[in-house]
Amino acid sequence: MRLRTFASGIAVLAACLVVSPGTSQAVTYTSTGCEVDTACTLAELFADGSIVIDEGGGVYKTFDNFTLVTNQGTDPIDPANITVTLASSSEVGLTFTILSGGFLLGTGTLQTSDLGFQFEVHCTGCLIHDNTLSITGGQQGDGTAFITETVLDIASEDDLANKIVFISPDGSDSLDHKVFAFDSTDILIFKDFNMNVTRGVVAVSDFSQTFSQVVPQPGALLLLGFGVAALGFIRRK
């Protein structure tokens, strides 16, 4: 019984070591296919651009395969007017700043804007554990703005998390944080950004996408394997 308890303890300890949060040092943002290295436009990213964030300690996040899915409405947003920069947050990620086109003025008839796009995130030296979607700048006036998001694991195509943030005259929720169904190294994110107003105004100037991750600790996987093997041996005995 004592041996079984000991082996179980090893397995649990190793699992805890594997999922202990990684710590970031100096974070740097670099890009390819963008005129300004630290401020890509969404249009440049759609044209095969990519972003790499180096968090130090061998941990990198690569954002690539940006794809425009839909851009419609009475006032479509030009992707060239959206810049994508490093998020100013305790978590590492991206901020999307709408330089123009994120403002709708109602004139008695319905004004709309609907922008949908997707991209992939690949984590080197880590597993992505959760993410946060937030509207970091805007005003609802008499209109409504919302962003919905679906996150999938690329390998299995399993749903990891769904989120929605919104601002409206009847109430707002500008931040949604979700822990993934399971940790993943490669994810696909689909966003749908929608604004509508009949009278008054609605505006969104910034929204952010940030992530936290777990970093496998040296020797933890070996320890976990030892614990599992010990449990298997005890079961056979």
C-alpha atoms as a PDB file:
ATOM      1  CA  MET A   1       0.000   0.000   0.000  1.00  0.00           C
ATOM      2  CA  ARG A   2       2.830   2.384   0.880  1.00  0.00           C
ATOM      3  CA  LEU A   3       4.555   1.636  -2.438  1.00  0.00           C
ATOM      4  CA  ARG A   4       1.350   2.343  -4.333  1.00  0.00           C
ATOM      5  CA  THR A   5       0.898   5.641  -2.491  1.00  0.00           C
ATOM      6  CA  PHE A   6       4.501   6.583  -3.220  1.00  0.00           C
ATOM      7  CA  ALA A   7       4.147   5.809  -6.930  1.00  0.00           C
ATOM      8  CA  SER A   8       0.877   7.725  -7.124  1.00  0.00           C
ATOM      9  CA  GLY A   9       2.564  10.685  -5.483  1.00  0.00           C
ATOM     10  CA  ILE A  10       5.363  10.612  -8.060  1.00  0.00           C
ATOM     11  CA  ALA A  11       2.878  10.604 -10.925  1.00  0.00           C
ATOM     12  CA  VAL A  12       0.881  13.486  -9.476  1.00  0.00           C
ATOM     13  CA  LEU A  13       4.026  15.488  -8.719  1.00  0.00           C
ATOM     14  CA  ALA A  14       5.321  15.009 -12.243  1.00  0.00           C
ATOM     15  CA  ALA A  15       2.018  16.091 -13.710  1.00  0.00           C
ATOM     16  CA  CYS A  16       2.143  19.244 -11.608  1.00  0.00           C
ATOM     17  CA  LEU A  17       5.660  19.950 -12.817  1.00  0.00           C
ATOM     18  CA  VAL A  18       4.612  19.525 -16.430  1.00  0.00           C
ATOM     19  CA  VAL A  19       1.811  22.070 -16.124  1.00  0.00           C
ATOM     20  CA  SER A  20       3.580  24.639 -13.983  1.00  0.00           C
ATOM     21  CA  PRO A  21       3.308  28.068 -15.647  1.00  0.00           C
ATOM     22  CA  GLY A  22       6.238  29.253 -17.730  1.00  0.00           C
ATOM     23  CA  THR A  23       7.793  32.607 -16.982  1.00  0.00           C
ATOM     24  CA  SER A  24       8.544  35.152 -19.693  1.00  0.00           C
ATOM     25  CA  GLN A  25      11.671  37.281 -19.786  1.00  0.00           C
ATOM     26  CA  ALA A  26      12.278  39.961 -22.412  1.00  0.00           C
ATOM     27  CA  VAL A  27       9.444  39.681 -24.939  1.00  0.00           C
ATOM     28  CA  THR A  28      10.186  40.664 -28.546  1.00  0.00           C
ATOM     29  CA  TYR A  29       7.933  40.921 -31.612  1.00  0.00           C
ATOM     30  CA  THR A  30       9.212  40.286 -35.134  1.00  0.00           C
ATOM     31  CA  SER A  31       7.364  39.866 -38.400  1.00  0.00           C
ATOM     32  CA  THR A  32       7.730  38.884 -42.029  1.00  0.00           C
ATOM     33  CA  GLY A  33       5.917  40.425 -44.980  1.00  0.00           C
ATOM     34  CA  CYS A  34       5.158  43.634 -43.057  1.00  0.00           C
ATOM     35  CA  GLU A  35       6.450  47.110 -43.833  1.00  0.00           C
ATOM     36  CA  VAL A  36       6.784  47.990 -40.148  1.00  0.00           C
ATOM     37  CA  ASP A  37       8.316  45.116 -38.188  1.00  0.00           C
ATOM     38  CA  THR A  38       6.423  45.745 -34.966  1.00  0.00           C
ATOM     39  CA  ALA A  39       3.100  46.946 -36.394  1.00  0.00           C
ATOM     40  CA  CYS A  40       1.798  44.789 -39.229  1.00  0.00           C
ATOM     41  CA  THR A  41      -1.491  45.660 -40.860  1.00  0.00           C
ATOM     42  CA  LEU A  42      -4.130  42.986 -41.097  1.00  0.00           C
ATOM     43  CA  ALA A  43      -4.002  43.357 -44.894  1.00  0.00           C
ATOM     44  CA  GLU A  44      -0.267  42.542 -44.869  1.00  0.00           C
ATOM     45  CA  LEU A  45      -0.920  39.482 -42.722  1.00  0.00           C
ATOM     46  CA  PHE A  46      -3.623  38.321 -45.147  1.00  0.00           C
ATOM     47  CA  ALA A  47      -0.963  38.581 -47.888  1.00  0.00           C
ATOM     48  CA  ASP A  48       1.121  35.799 -46.287  1.00  0.00           C
ATOM     49  CA  GLY A  49       2.544  37.827 -43.424  1.00  0.00           C
ATOM     50  CA  SER A  50       3.423  36.311 -40.053  1.00  0.00           C
ATOM     51  CA  ILE A  51       4.418  37.342 -36.536  1.00  0.00           C
ATOM     52  CA  VAL A  52       6.772  35.672 -34.043  1.00  0.00           C
ATOM     53  CA  ILE A  53       6.806  36.599 -30.363  1.00  0.00           C
ATOM     54  CA  ASP A  54       9.924  35.504 -28.475  1.00  0.00           C
ATOM     55  CA  GLU A  55       9.161  35.215 -24.761  1.00  0.00           C
ATOM     56  CA  GLY A  56      12.651  34.081 -23.752  1.00  0.00           C
ATOM     57  CA  GLY A  57      13.726  30.740 -22.368  1.00  0.00           C
ATOM     58  CA  GLY A  58      13.112  28.976 -25.685  1.00  0.00           C
ATOM     59  CA  VAL A  59       9.390  29.853 -25.740  1.00  0.00           C
ATOM     60  CA  TYR A  60       8.030  31.265 -29.011  1.00  0.00           C
ATOM     61  CA  LYS A  61       4.553  31.926 -30.359  1.00  0.00           C
ATOM     62  CA  THR A  62       4.165  32.093 -34.136  1.00  0.00           C
ATOM     63  CA  PHE A  63       1.041  33.691 -35.643  1.00  0.00           C
ATOM     64  CA  ASP A  64       0.516  32.824 -39.299  1.00  0.00           C
ATOM     65  CA  ASN A  65      -1.920  31.710 -42.007  1.00  0.00           C
ATOM     66  CA  PHE A  66      -4.077  34.816 -41.558  1.00  0.00           C
ATOM     67  CA  THR A  67      -7.100  34.442 -43.842  1.00  0.00           C
ATOM     68  CA  LEU A  68      -9.933  36.845 -44.612  1.00  0.00           C
ATOM     69  CA  VAL A  69     -13.244  34.971 -44.310  1.00  0.00           C
ATOM     70  CA  THR A  70     -15.812  37.737 -44.788  1.00  0.00           C
ATOM     71  CA  ASN A  71     -15.880  41.532 -45.003  1.00  0.00           C
ATOM     72  CA  GLN A  72     -19.309  42.929 -45.702  1.00  0.00           C
ATOM     73  CA  GLY A  73     -22.042  45.311 -44.546  1.00  0.00           C
ATOM     74  CA  THR A  74     -22.958  48.867 -45.429  1.00  0.00           C
ATOM     75  CA  ASP A  75     -19.562  50.073 -44.110  1.00  0.00           C
ATOM     76  CA  PRO A  76     -16.908  47.331 -44.470  1.00  0.00           C
ATOM     77  CA  ILE A  77     -13.648  47.809 -42.582  1.00  0.00           C
ATOM     78  CA  ASP A  78     -10.501  48.020 -44.696  1.00  0.00           C
ATOM     79  CA  PRO A  79      -7.986  45.467 -43.267  1.00  0.00           C
ATOM     80  CA  ALA A  80      -5.203  47.904 -44.257  1.00  0.00           C
ATOM     81  CA  ASN A  81      -6.563  50.235 -41.546  1.00  0.00           C
ATOM     82  CA  ILE A  82      -6.097  47.679 -38.754  1.00  0.00           C
ATOM     83  CA  THR A  83      -2.636  47.394 -37.198  1.00  0.00           C
ATOM     84  CA  VAL A  84      -1.542  44.319 -35.245  1.00  0.00           C
ATOM     85  CA  THR A  85       0.959  44.938 -32.447  1.00  0.00           C
ATOM     86  CA  LEU A  86       2.252  43.268 -29.297  1.00  0.00           C
ATOM     87  CA  ALA A  87      -0.423  43.402 -26.584  1.00  0.00           C
ATOM     88  CA  SER A  88       0.275  45.520 -23.507  1.00  0.00           C
ATOM     89  CA  SER A  89      -0.767  42.895 -21.003  1.00  0.00           C
ATOM     90  CA  SER A  90       0.585  40.545 -18.359  1.00  0.00           C
ATOM     91  CA  GLU A  91      -0.153  37.801 -20.894  1.00  0.00           C
ATOM     92  CA  VAL A  92       1.519  37.641 -24.295  1.00  0.00           C
ATOM     93  CA  GLY A  93      -0.555  38.200 -27.411  1.00  0.00           C
ATOM     94  CA  LEU A  94      -1.738  40.682 -30.037  1.00  0.00           C
ATOM     95  CA  THR A  95      -3.669  43.937 -30.069  1.00  0.00           C
ATOM     96  CA  PHE A  96      -5.723  44.873 -33.135  1.00  0.00           C
ATOM     97  CA  THR A  97      -6.043  48.672 -33.467  1.00  0.00           C
ATOM     98  CA  ILE A  98      -8.587  50.057 -35.922  1.00  0.00           C
ATOM     99  CA  LEU A  99      -7.159  53.283 -37.310  1.00  0.00           C
ATOM    100  CA  SER A 100     -10.291  54.063 -39.330  1.00  0.00           C
ATOM    101  CA  GLY A 101     -13.486  52.216 -40.140  1.00  0.00           C
ATOM    102  CA  GLY A 102     -14.259  51.135 -36.573  1.00  0.00           C
ATOM    103  CA  PHE A 103     -16.848  53.901 -36.214  1.00  0.00           C
ATOM    104  CA  LEU A 104     -20.444  53.797 -37.433  1.00  0.00           C
ATOM    105  CA  LEU A 105     -22.866  56.730 -37.389  1.00  0.00           C
ATOM    106  CA  GLY A 106     -26.549  55.845 -37.541  1.00  0.00           C
ATOM    107  CA  THR A 107     -28.727  58.029 -39.736  1.00  0.00           C
ATOM    108  CA  GLY A 108     -32.102  56.400 -39.174  1.00  0.00           C
ATOM    109  CA  THR A 109     -31.308  53.400 -41.364  1.00  0.00           C
ATOM    110  CA  LEU A 110     -29.324  50.357 -40.259  1.00  0.00           C
ATOM    111  CA  GLN A 111     -25.558  50.719 -40.676  1.00  0.00           C
ATOM    112  CA  THR A 112     -23.501  47.516 -40.398  1.00  0.00           C
ATOM    113  CA  SER A 113     -19.960  46.214 -40.546  1.00  0.00           C
ATOM    114  CA  ASP A 114     -18.987  42.538 -40.413  1.00  0.00           C
ATOM    115  CA  LEU A 115     -15.362  41.386 -40.563  1.00  0.00           C
ATOM    116  CA  GLY A 116     -14.491  37.713 -40.178  1.00  0.00           C
ATOM    117  CA  PHE A 117     -10.977  36.289 -40.253  1.00  0.00           C
ATOM    118  CA  GLN A 118      -8.921  33.387 -38.952  1.00  0.00           C
ATOM    119  CA  PHE A 119      -5.291  32.640 -38.092  1.00  0.00           C
ATOM    120  CA  GLU A 120      -3.131  29.973 -36.510  1.00  0.00           C
ATOM    121  CA  VAL A 121      -1.005  30.118 -33.360  1.00  0.00           C
ATOM    122  CA  HIS A 122       1.923  27.723 -32.867  1.00  0.00           C
ATOM    123  CA  CYS A 123       3.686  27.466 -29.522  1.00  0.00           C
ATOM    124  CA  THR A 124       7.318  26.304 -29.489  1.00  0.00           C
ATOM    125  CA  GLY A 125       8.621  25.120 -26.124  1.00  0.00           C
ATOM    126  CA  CYS A 126       5.207  25.405 -24.508  1.00  0.00           C
ATOM    127  CA  LEU A 127       1.557  24.358 -24.497  1.00  0.00           C
ATOM    128  CA  ILE A 128      -1.135  27.025 -24.823  1.00  0.00           C
ATOM    129  CA  HIS A 129      -3.373  26.712 -21.762  1.00  0.00           C
ATOM    130  CA  ASP A 130      -5.967  29.472 -22.117  1.00  0.00           C
ATOM    131  CA  ASN A 131      -6.655  32.782 -23.796  1.00  0.00           C
ATOM    132  CA  THR A 132      -8.422  36.071 -23.228  1.00  0.00           C
ATOM    133  CA  LEU A 133     -10.432  38.086 -25.740  1.00  0.00           C
ATOM    134  CA  SER A 134     -11.165  41.709 -24.870  1.00  0.00           C
ATOM    135  CA  ILE A 135     -12.432  44.963 -26.328  1.00  0.00           C
ATOM    136  CA  THR A 136      -9.859  47.399 -24.989  1.00  0.00           C
ATOM    137  CA  GLY A 137     -11.183  50.612 -26.527  1.00  0.00           C
ATOM    138  CA  GLY A 138     -14.560  51.734 -27.826  1.00  0.00           C
ATOM    139  CA  GLN A 139     -17.981  53.239 -27.132  1.00  0.00           C
ATOM    140  CA  GLN A 140     -21.397  51.840 -27.799  1.00  0.00           C
ATOM    141  CA  GLY A 141     -23.574  54.984 -27.972  1.00  0.00           C
ATOM    142  CA  ASP A 142     -26.888  53.691 -29.283  1.00  0.00           C
ATOM    143  CA  GLY A 143     -25.331  50.875 -31.304  1.00  0.00           C
ATOM    144  CA  THR A 144     -23.942  47.403 -30.656  1.00  0.00           C
ATOM    145  CA  ALA A 145     -20.527  45.877 -31.287  1.00  0.00           C
ATOM    146  CA  PHE A 146     -19.535  42.307 -30.595  1.00  0.00           C
ATOM    147  CA  ILE A 147     -16.736  39.877 -31.348  1.00  0.00           C
ATOM    148  CA  THR A 148     -17.304  36.124 -31.302  1.00  0.00           C
ATOM    149  CA  GLU A 149     -14.469  33.637 -31.333  1.00  0.00           C
ATOM    150  CA  THR A 150     -13.969  29.925 -31.862  1.00  0.00           C
ATOM    151  CA  VAL A 151     -10.685  28.185 -30.973  1.00  0.00           C
ATOM    152  CA  LEU A 152      -9.851  24.730 -32.367  1.00  0.00           C
ATOM    153  CA  ASP A 153      -6.959  22.336 -31.824  1.00  0.00           C
ATOM    154  CA  ILE A 154      -5.417  21.958 -35.284  1.00  0.00           C
ATOM    155  CA  ALA A 155      -4.317  18.325 -34.938  1.00  0.00           C
ATOM    156  CA  SER A 156      -7.606  16.909 -33.631  1.00  0.00           C
ATOM    157  CA  GLU A 157      -9.973  19.673 -34.834  1.00  0.00           C
ATOM    158  CA  ASP A 158     -11.543  19.551 -31.360  1.00  0.00           C
ATOM    159  CA  ASP A 159     -13.237  22.648 -29.978  1.00  0.00           C
ATOM    160  CA  LEU A 160     -11.034  24.201 -27.261  1.00  0.00           C
ATOM    161  CA  ALA A 161     -13.014  27.315 -26.294  1.00  0.00           C
ATOM    162  CA  ASN A 162     -15.722  29.684 -27.541  1.00  0.00           C
ATOM    163  CA  LYS A 163     -15.869  33.319 -26.468  1.00  0.00           C
ATOM    164  CA  ILE A 164     -17.906  36.475 -27.003  1.00  0.00           C
ATOM    165  CA  VAL A 165     -17.330  40.095 -25.978  1.00  0.00           C
ATOM    166  CA  PHE A 166     -19.736  42.951 -26.657  1.00  0.00           C
ATOM    167  CA  ILE A 167     -20.739  46.509 -25.903  1.00  0.00           C
ATOM    168  CA  SER A 168     -24.369  47.601 -26.170  1.00  0.00           C
ATOM    169  CA  PRO A 169     -26.818  50.098 -24.635  1.00  0.00           C
ATOM    170  CA  ASP A 170     -28.427  47.281 -22.648  1.00  0.00           C
ATOM    171  CA  GLY A 171     -25.192  46.063 -21.083  1.00  0.00           C
ATOM    172  CA  SER A 172     -21.627  45.201 -21.972  1.00  0.00           C
ATOM    173  CA  ASP A 173     -19.103  42.456 -21.333  1.00  0.00           C
ATOM    174  CA  SER A 174     -15.803  43.510 -22.833  1.00  0.00           C
ATOM    175  CA  LEU A 175     -13.648  40.617 -21.542  1.00  0.00           C
ATOM    176  CA  ASP A 176     -13.984  36.841 -21.886  1.00  0.00           C
ATOM    177  CA  HIS A 177     -11.371  34.450 -20.539  1.00  0.00           C
ATOM    178  CA  LYS A 178     -11.495  30.694 -21.135  1.00  0.00           C
ATOM    179  CA  VAL A 179      -9.254  27.810 -20.096  1.00  0.00           C
ATOM    180  CA  PHE A 180      -8.942  25.377 -23.004  1.00  0.00           C
ATOM    181  CA  ALA A 181     -10.524  21.939 -22.909  1.00  0.00           C
ATOM    182  CA  PHE A 182      -6.932  20.675 -23.090  1.00  0.00           C
ATOM    183  CA  ASP A 183      -3.506  22.263 -23.591  1.00  0.00           C
ATOM    184  CA  SER A 184      -2.398  22.546 -27.210  1.00  0.00           C
ATOM    185  CA  THR A 185       0.713  23.467 -29.175  1.00  0.00           C
ATOM    186  CA  ASP A 186      -1.154  24.456 -32.370  1.00  0.00           C
ATOM    187  CA  ILE A 187      -4.516  26.221 -32.500  1.00  0.00           C
ATOM    188  CA  LEU A 188      -6.810  27.792 -35.085  1.00  0.00           C
ATOM    189  CA  ILE A 189      -8.720  30.939 -34.124  1.00  0.00           C
ATOM    190  CA  PHE A 190     -11.760  32.258 -36.005  1.00  0.00           C
ATOM    191  CA  LYS A 191     -13.045  35.741 -35.178  1.00  0.00           C
ATOM    192  CA  ASP A 192     -16.186  37.528 -36.296  1.00  0.00           C
ATOM    193  CA  PHE A 193     -16.249  41.275 -35.564  1.00  0.00           C
ATOM    194  CA  ASN A 194     -19.642  42.916 -36.042  1.00  0.00           C
ATOM    195  CA  MET A 195     -20.985  46.436 -35.476  1.00  0.00           C
ATOM    196  CA  ASN A 196     -24.484  47.778 -36.119  1.00  0.00           C
ATOM    197  CA  VAL A 197     -26.391  50.975 -35.377  1.00  0.00           C
ATOM    198  CA  THR A 198     -29.581  52.661 -36.582  1.00  0.00           C
ATOM    199  CA  ARG A 199     -29.386  55.923 -34.654  1.00  0.00           C
ATOM    200  CA  GLY A 200     -26.479  57.369 -32.687  1.00  0.00           C
ATOM    201  CA  VAL A 201     -22.988  55.884 -32.886  1.00  0.00           C
ATOM    202  CA  VAL A 202     -20.966  52.778 -32.123  1.00  0.00           C
ATOM    203  CA  ALA A 203     -17.170  52.574 -32.182  1.00  0.00           C
ATOM    204  CA  VAL A 204     -14.404  50.068 -31.443  1.00  0.00           C
ATOM    205  CA  SER A 205     -10.807  51.261 -31.553  1.00  0.00           C
ATOM    206  CA  ASP A 206      -8.920  48.275 -30.112  1.00  0.00           C
ATOM    207  CA  PHE A 207      -9.401  44.605 -29.274  1.00  0.00           C
ATOM    208  CA  SER A 208      -6.837  42.183 -27.899  1.00  0.00           C
ATOM    209  CA  GLN A 209      -6.038  38.489 -27.982  1.00  0.00           C
ATOM    210  CA  THR A 210      -3.709  37.208 -25.249  1.00  0.00           C
ATOM    211  CA  PHE A 211      -2.553  33.786 -24.106  1.00  0.00           C
ATOM    212  CA  SER A 212      -0.900  32.044 -21.207  1.00  0.00           C
ATOM    213  CA  GLN A 213       0.847  28.712 -21.425  1.00  0.00           C
ATOM    214  CA  VAL A 214       2.438  25.909 -19.508  1.00  0.00           C
ATOM    215  CA  VAL A 215       6.065  24.963 -20.035  1.00  0.00           C
ATOM    216  CA  PRO A 216       7.246  21.374 -19.467  1.00  0.00           C
ATOM    217  CA  GLN A 217       9.989  21.431 -16.846  1.00  0.00           C
ATOM    218  CA  PRO A 218      13.263  19.517 -17.406  1.00  0.00           C
ATOM    219  CA  GLY A 219      12.964  15.958 -16.146  1.00  0.00           C
ATOM    220  CA  ALA A 220       9.244  16.209 -15.461  1.00  0.00           C
ATOM    221  CA  LEU A 221       8.221  13.944 -18.323  1.00  0.00           C
ATOM    222  CA  LEU A 222      10.770  11.312 -17.222  1.00  0.00           C
ATOM    223  CA  LEU A 223       9.441  11.502 -13.666  1.00  0.00           C
ATOM    224  CA  LEU A 224       5.884  11.173 -14.918  1.00  0.00           C
ATOM    225  CA  GLY A 225       6.843   8.115 -16.951  1.00  0.00           C
ATOM    226  CA  PHE A 226       8.476   6.532 -13.906  1.00  0.00           C
ATOM    227  CA  GLY A 227       5.392   7.117 -11.797  1.00  0.00           C
ATOM    228  CA  VAL A 228       3.053   5.647 -14.422  1.00  0.00           C
ATOM    229  CA  ALA A 229       5.348   2.633 -14.902  1.00  0.00           C
ATOM    230  CA  ALA A 230       5.432   2.058 -11.130  1.00  0.00           C
ATOM    231  CA  LEU A 231       1.651   2.139 -10.951  1.00  0.00           C
ATOM    232  CA  GLY A 232       1.469  -0.370 -13.806  1.00  0.00           C
ATOM    233  CA  PHE A 233       3.926  -2.699 -12.063  1.00  0.00           C
ATOM    234  CA  ILE A 234       1.930  -2.564  -8.819  1.00  0.00           C
ATOM    235  CA  ARG A 235      -1.294  -3.297 -10.691  1.00  0.00           C
ATOM    236  CA  ARG A 236       0.268  -6.404 -12.262  1.00  0.00           C
ATOM    237  CA  LYS A 237       1.504  -7.584  -8.867  1.00  0.00           C
END
